[in-house]
Amino acid sequence: QVQLVESGGGLVQPGGSLRLSCAASGSIFSMYAMGWYRQAPGKQRELVATITSGGNTNYTDSVKGRFTISRDNAKNTVFLQMNSLKPEDTAVYYCNWRGIYYRGSGRVVGDYWGQGTQVTVSS
């Protein structure tokens, strides 16, 4: 099993910044990638940014140049620095972990989600 603990959401004015963190713990063998997704009311969950264990990043077009994803492999932690926030960034942000974890005497590929953290951009 892998547990994800997210932090850093909140209320911010347009143009402001927030930094999200997500720490993975448990019987982790290795991580393929971690990332952030978001879901606004009435909309489907969408990818925001992902980062692989090797450092390759991917962003949705709407956040390029404003958001930066980074990771600390040793601590199994991923960060999302969000700058120049806009009202349309308002959503619940979910952390995602993909990798291999120990289960019993073996190893299993897993895909885990955090519980989500609310980000609200409003004046």
C-alpha atoms as a PDB file:
ATOM      1  CA  GLN A   1       0.000   0.000   0.000  1.00  0.00           C
ATOM      2  CA  VAL A   2       1.024   3.582  -0.657  1.00  0.00           C
ATOM      3  CA  GLN A   3      -0.335   6.574   1.210  1.00  0.00           C
ATOM      4  CA  LEU A   4      -0.323  10.127  -0.137  1.00  0.00           C
ATOM      5  CA  VAL A   5      -0.526  13.200   2.083  1.00  0.00           C
ATOM      6  CA  GLU A   6      -1.220  16.503   0.365  1.00  0.00           C
ATOM      7  CA  SER A   7      -0.809  19.988   1.766  1.00  0.00           C
ATOM      8  CA  GLY A   8      -0.651  23.612   0.696  1.00  0.00           C
ATOM      9  CA  GLY A   9      -4.080  24.405  -0.697  1.00  0.00           C
ATOM     10  CA  GLY A  10      -6.076  27.449   0.308  1.00  0.00           C
ATOM     11  CA  LEU A  11      -7.595  30.730  -0.742  1.00  0.00           C
ATOM     12  CA  VAL A  12      -5.516  33.193  -2.741  1.00  0.00           C
ATOM     13  CA  GLN A  13      -6.226  36.334  -4.721  1.00  0.00           C
ATOM     14  CA  PRO A  14      -5.788  36.403  -8.490  1.00  0.00           C
ATOM     15  CA  GLY A  15      -2.144  36.840  -9.348  1.00  0.00           C
ATOM     16  CA  GLY A  16      -1.042  35.181  -6.143  1.00  0.00           C
ATOM     17  CA  SER A  17       0.947  32.038  -5.511  1.00  0.00           C
ATOM     18  CA  LEU A  18       0.539  28.748  -3.710  1.00  0.00           C
ATOM     19  CA  ARG A  19       2.790  25.720  -3.287  1.00  0.00           C
ATOM     20  CA  LEU A  20       1.312  22.254  -3.046  1.00  0.00           C
ATOM     21  CA  SER A  21       3.176  19.308  -1.574  1.00  0.00           C
ATOM     22  CA  CYS A  22       2.459  15.604  -1.729  1.00  0.00           C
ATOM     23  CA  ALA A  23       4.408  13.042   0.242  1.00  0.00           C
ATOM     24  CA  ALA A  24       4.158   9.359  -0.573  1.00  0.00           C
ATOM     25  CA  SER A  25       4.842   6.733   2.046  1.00  0.00           C
ATOM     26  CA  GLY A  26       4.401   3.019   2.535  1.00  0.00           C
ATOM     27  CA  SER A  27       5.922  -0.061   1.033  1.00  0.00           C
ATOM     28  CA  ILE A  28       7.428   1.727  -1.952  1.00  0.00           C
ATOM     29  CA  PHE A  29       9.918  -0.070  -4.164  1.00  0.00           C
ATOM     30  CA  SER A  30      10.223   2.522  -6.916  1.00  0.00           C
ATOM     31  CA  MET A  31       8.323   5.430  -8.419  1.00  0.00           C
ATOM     32  CA  TYR A  32       7.605   5.875 -12.118  1.00  0.00           C
ATOM     33  CA  ALA A  33       5.942   9.249 -11.895  1.00  0.00           C
ATOM     34  CA  MET A  34       4.025  11.576  -9.643  1.00  0.00           C
ATOM     35  CA  GLY A  35       1.722  14.322 -10.660  1.00  0.00           C
ATOM     36  CA  TRP A  36      -1.106  16.693  -9.986  1.00  0.00           C
ATOM     37  CA  TYR A  37      -4.591  16.611 -11.429  1.00  0.00           C
ATOM     38  CA  ARG A  38      -7.495  18.925 -10.713  1.00  0.00           C
ATOM     39  CA  GLN A  39     -11.244  18.837 -10.826  1.00  0.00           C
ATOM     40  CA  ALA A  40     -13.419  21.917 -10.894  1.00  0.00           C
ATOM     41  CA  PRO A  41     -17.136  21.764 -10.040  1.00  0.00           C
ATOM     42  CA  GLY A  42     -19.110  20.220 -12.877  1.00  0.00           C
ATOM     43  CA  LYS A  43     -15.993  19.305 -14.829  1.00  0.00           C
ATOM     44  CA  GLN A  44     -13.941  16.188 -15.360  1.00  0.00           C
ATOM     45  CA  ARG A  45     -10.651  15.643 -13.619  1.00  0.00           C
ATOM     46  CA  GLU A  46      -7.789  16.905 -15.763  1.00  0.00           C
ATOM     47  CA  LEU A  47      -4.035  16.605 -15.769  1.00  0.00           C
ATOM     48  CA  VAL A  48      -2.138  19.617 -14.465  1.00  0.00           C
ATOM     49  CA  ALA A  49       1.467  18.414 -14.407  1.00  0.00           C
ATOM     50  CA  THR A  50       3.474  15.235 -14.050  1.00  0.00           C
ATOM     51  CA  ILE A  51       7.096  14.426 -13.355  1.00  0.00           C
ATOM     52  CA  THR A  52       8.934  11.144 -13.778  1.00  0.00           C
ATOM     53  CA  SER A  53      11.587   9.736 -11.491  1.00  0.00           C
ATOM     54  CA  GLY A  54      14.098  10.869 -14.094  1.00  0.00           C
ATOM     55  CA  GLY A  55      12.837  14.433 -13.978  1.00  0.00           C
ATOM     56  CA  ASN A  56      10.874  14.612 -17.217  1.00  0.00           C
ATOM     57  CA  THR A  57       7.931  16.963 -16.863  1.00  0.00           C
ATOM     58  CA  ASN A  58       4.641  17.443 -18.644  1.00  0.00           C
ATOM     59  CA  TYR A  59       2.157  20.304 -18.248  1.00  0.00           C
ATOM     60  CA  THR A  60      -1.277  21.067 -19.511  1.00  0.00           C
ATOM     61  CA  ASP A  61      -1.182  24.069 -21.826  1.00  0.00           C
ATOM     62  CA  SER A  62      -3.191  26.349 -19.540  1.00  0.00           C
ATOM     63  CA  VAL A  63      -0.557  26.259 -16.772  1.00  0.00           C
ATOM     64  CA  LYS A  64       2.646  26.371 -18.812  1.00  0.00           C
ATOM     65  CA  GLY A  65       4.838  29.234 -17.726  1.00  0.00           C
ATOM     66  CA  ARG A  66       2.912  29.665 -14.464  1.00  0.00           C
ATOM     67  CA  PHE A  67       3.197  26.324 -12.654  1.00  0.00           C
ATOM     68  CA  THR A  68       6.332  24.339 -11.913  1.00  0.00           C
ATOM     69  CA  ILE A  69       6.398  20.731 -10.772  1.00  0.00           C
ATOM     70  CA  SER A  70       9.416  19.353  -8.938  1.00  0.00           C
ATOM     71  CA  ARG A  71      10.253  16.325  -6.846  1.00  0.00           C
ATOM     72  CA  ASP A  72      12.463  15.021  -4.100  1.00  0.00           C
ATOM     73  CA  ASN A  73      13.011  11.373  -4.966  1.00  0.00           C
ATOM     74  CA  ALA A  74      14.699  10.585  -1.669  1.00  0.00           C
ATOM     75  CA  LYS A  75      11.614  11.773   0.216  1.00  0.00           C
ATOM     76  CA  ASN A  76       9.061  10.503  -2.327  1.00  0.00           C
ATOM     77  CA  THR A  77       7.634  14.005  -2.421  1.00  0.00           C
ATOM     78  CA  VAL A  78       6.328  16.101  -5.282  1.00  0.00           C
ATOM     79  CA  PHE A  79       5.717  19.843  -5.270  1.00  0.00           C
ATOM     80  CA  LEU A  80       3.630  22.124  -7.430  1.00  0.00           C
ATOM     81  CA  GLN A  81       4.582  25.789  -7.383  1.00  0.00           C
ATOM     82  CA  MET A  82       1.667  27.774  -8.718  1.00  0.00           C
ATOM     83  CA  ASN A  83       2.243  31.409  -9.671  1.00  0.00           C
ATOM     84  CA  SER A  84       0.064  34.014 -11.366  1.00  0.00           C
ATOM     85  CA  LEU A  85      -3.009  32.150 -10.269  1.00  0.00           C
ATOM     86  CA  LYS A  86      -6.276  32.794 -12.058  1.00  0.00           C
ATOM     87  CA  PRO A  87      -9.886  32.215 -10.974  1.00  0.00           C
ATOM     88  CA  GLU A  88     -10.090  29.405 -13.524  1.00  0.00           C
ATOM     89  CA  ASP A  89      -7.408  27.540 -11.560  1.00  0.00           C
ATOM     90  CA  THR A  90      -9.951  27.050  -8.785  1.00  0.00           C
ATOM     91  CA  ALA A  91     -10.417  23.334  -8.242  1.00  0.00           C
ATOM     92  CA  VAL A  92      -9.669  20.427  -5.988  1.00  0.00           C
ATOM     93  CA  TYR A  93      -6.119  19.339  -6.716  1.00  0.00           C
ATOM     94  CA  TYR A  94      -5.269  15.650  -6.457  1.00  0.00           C
ATOM     95  CA  CYS A  95      -1.856  14.074  -6.151  1.00  0.00           C
ATOM     96  CA  ASN A  96      -1.149  10.896  -8.105  1.00  0.00           C
ATOM     97  CA  TRP A  97       1.595   8.307  -7.615  1.00  0.00           C
ATOM     98  CA  ARG A  98       2.519   5.524 -10.021  1.00  0.00           C
ATOM     99  CA  GLY A  99       5.138   2.938  -9.330  1.00  0.00           C
ATOM    100  CA  ILE A 100       5.935  -0.383  -7.776  1.00  0.00           C
ATOM    101  CA  TYR A 101       5.314  -1.276  -4.158  1.00  0.00           C
ATOM    102  CA  TYR A 102       5.904  -4.321  -2.015  1.00  0.00           C
ATOM    103  CA  ARG A 103       2.946  -6.579  -1.316  1.00  0.00           C
ATOM    104  CA  GLY A 104       3.645  -9.682   0.650  1.00  0.00           C
ATOM    105  CA  SER A 105       6.732 -11.355  -0.728  1.00  0.00           C
ATOM    106  CA  GLY A 106       6.342  -9.735  -4.129  1.00  0.00           C
ATOM    107  CA  ARG A 107       6.148  -6.394  -5.892  1.00  0.00           C
ATOM    108  CA  VAL A 108       3.096  -4.901  -7.554  1.00  0.00           C
ATOM    109  CA  VAL A 109       2.513  -2.031  -9.951  1.00  0.00           C
ATOM    110  CA  GLY A 110       0.246   0.541  -8.338  1.00  0.00           C
ATOM    111  CA  ASP A 111      -1.590   3.776  -9.060  1.00  0.00           C
ATOM    112  CA  TYR A 112      -2.656   5.804  -6.032  1.00  0.00           C
ATOM    113  CA  TRP A 113      -4.514   9.057  -5.456  1.00  0.00           C
ATOM    114  CA  GLY A 114      -4.499  11.530  -2.618  1.00  0.00           C
ATOM    115  CA  GLN A 115      -7.688  12.834  -1.027  1.00  0.00           C
ATOM    116  CA  GLY A 116      -7.385  16.225  -2.679  1.00  0.00           C
ATOM    117  CA  THR A 117      -6.714  19.755  -1.524  1.00  0.00           C
ATOM    118  CA  GLN A 118      -8.893  22.741  -2.368  1.00  0.00           C
ATOM    119  CA  VAL A 119      -7.386  25.668  -4.238  1.00  0.00           C
ATOM    120  CA  THR A 120      -9.596  28.738  -4.534  1.00  0.00           C
ATOM    121  CA  VAL A 121      -8.535  31.810  -6.488  1.00  0.00           C
ATOM    122  CA  SER A 122     -10.829  34.702  -5.757  1.00  0.00           C
ATOM    123  CA  SER A 123     -10.772  38.371  -4.826  1.00  0.00           C
END
